Protein backbone atom coordinates (compact mmCIF):
# COMPACT_ATOMS: atom_id res chain seq x y z
CA MET A 1 21.56 -18.39 15.96
CA TRP A 2 19.08 -17.00 13.01
CA GLY A 3 17.50 -20.66 13.04
CA GLU A 4 16.72 -20.67 16.90
CA VAL A 5 15.33 -16.84 16.29
CA LYS A 6 13.18 -17.98 13.40
CA LYS A 7 12.11 -21.26 15.47
CA LEU A 8 11.08 -18.96 18.10
CA ILE A 9 9.04 -16.35 15.48
CA LYS A 10 7.27 -19.37 14.49
CA LEU A 11 6.38 -21.23 18.16
CA ALA A 12 5.02 -17.15 18.70
CA PHE A 13 2.71 -16.88 16.04
CA LYS A 14 1.38 -20.68 16.34
CA ASP A 15 -1.58 -19.79 18.04
CA TYR A 16 -3.61 -16.80 16.74
CA PRO A 17 -1.24 -15.40 14.38
CA LYS A 18 -3.73 -13.00 12.79
CA ARG A 19 -4.36 -11.30 16.10
CA LYS A 20 -0.20 -11.16 17.14
CA LEU A 21 0.48 -9.87 13.96
CA GLY A 22 -2.07 -7.27 14.03
CA PHE A 23 -0.49 -6.14 17.17
CA LEU A 24 2.69 -5.86 15.98
CA ILE A 25 1.14 -3.39 13.46
CA GLY A 26 -0.37 -1.56 15.67
CA VAL A 27 2.51 -1.21 18.18
CA PHE A 28 4.71 -0.09 14.98
CA PHE A 29 2.12 2.57 13.98
CA GLY A 30 1.48 3.90 17.62
CA ILE A 31 5.47 4.29 17.19
CA ALA A 32 5.69 5.99 14.22
CA ILE A 33 2.42 8.34 15.51
CA ILE A 34 4.60 9.19 18.43
CA ASN A 35 7.84 9.69 16.49
CA PHE A 36 6.57 11.69 13.44
CA GLY A 37 3.38 13.13 13.97
CA PHE A 38 -0.29 11.74 13.34
CA PHE A 39 -0.54 13.11 9.77
CA GLN A 40 3.02 12.48 8.75
CA THR A 41 2.31 8.88 9.41
CA LEU A 42 -1.19 8.84 7.64
CA PHE A 43 0.34 10.36 4.63
CA ALA A 44 3.08 7.24 4.66
CA PHE A 45 0.43 5.34 5.17
CA PHE A 46 -1.54 6.42 2.33
CA CYS A 47 1.73 6.55 0.17
CA GLY A 48 2.20 3.00 1.04
CA ILE A 49 -1.20 1.66 -0.18
CA ILE A 50 -0.78 3.86 -3.41
CA GLY A 51 2.32 2.38 -4.21
CA LEU A 52 0.77 -1.52 -3.12
CA TYR A 53 -2.14 -0.87 -5.97
CA ILE A 54 0.87 0.20 -8.56
CA GLY A 55 2.43 -2.89 -7.94
CA SER A 56 -0.23 -4.79 -8.18
CA ARG A 57 -1.48 -3.27 -11.89
CA PHE A 58 2.17 -3.93 -12.72
CA ASP A 59 2.40 -7.59 -11.14
CA ASP A 60 -1.23 -7.97 -13.53
CA GLY A 61 0.66 -6.99 -16.55
CA ASP A 62 -1.27 -4.00 -17.04
CA ASN A 63 0.09 -0.98 -19.23
CA LEU A 64 -0.02 1.38 -15.97
CA VAL A 65 0.47 4.93 -18.71
CA ASP A 66 -2.70 4.04 -21.02
CA ALA A 67 -4.77 2.95 -17.94
CA THR A 68 -4.02 6.00 -15.40
CA LEU A 69 -5.14 8.23 -18.90
CA ARG A 70 -7.74 6.43 -19.92
CA THR A 71 -9.05 6.60 -16.68
CA ILE A 72 -8.49 10.50 -16.50
CA GLU A 73 -10.12 10.83 -20.08
CA ASN A 74 -13.04 8.68 -18.88
CA SER A 75 -13.61 11.09 -15.94
CA VAL A 76 -13.21 14.53 -17.11
CA PRO A 77 -16.15 16.36 -18.99
CA GLU A 78 -15.79 16.51 -22.97
CA ARG A 79 -15.84 20.27 -23.01
CA TRP A 80 -12.81 20.10 -20.88
CA ARG A 81 -11.17 17.46 -22.80
CA TYR A 82 -7.84 19.45 -24.62
CA TRP A 83 -5.96 16.44 -25.67
CA LYS A 84 -6.90 12.99 -27.33
CA TYR A 85 -4.84 10.19 -26.50
CA PHE A 86 -7.13 7.43 -27.61
CA ASN A 87 -8.85 6.82 -30.69
C-alpha cells in the first residue's frame, strides 16, 4: 500500500514540482492561520527559522556558544561591556 502511495506522490510531483510544493506550503500556512491566528503562526514560523539557523551552524561544526558571545561582544559598545570572555 505505501509503495502505491509513494508512486502516486512521485507521479503528482512529476510536472512542476516546485509550484505544487509551494501550493502545499501555502495551504499549510493558510490552515495554520485559520486555526491558530496570524501572529501565533508568524511566531512559530520565526521560531522555525531560528531553529534552522542554529541547526545549520551545528552542522557546519561551529561552536555556537563562542560564536554567539563573539557576536554580542562585537555589537555592544565598549563602555557597556562589563564582561570579557575572549582574550
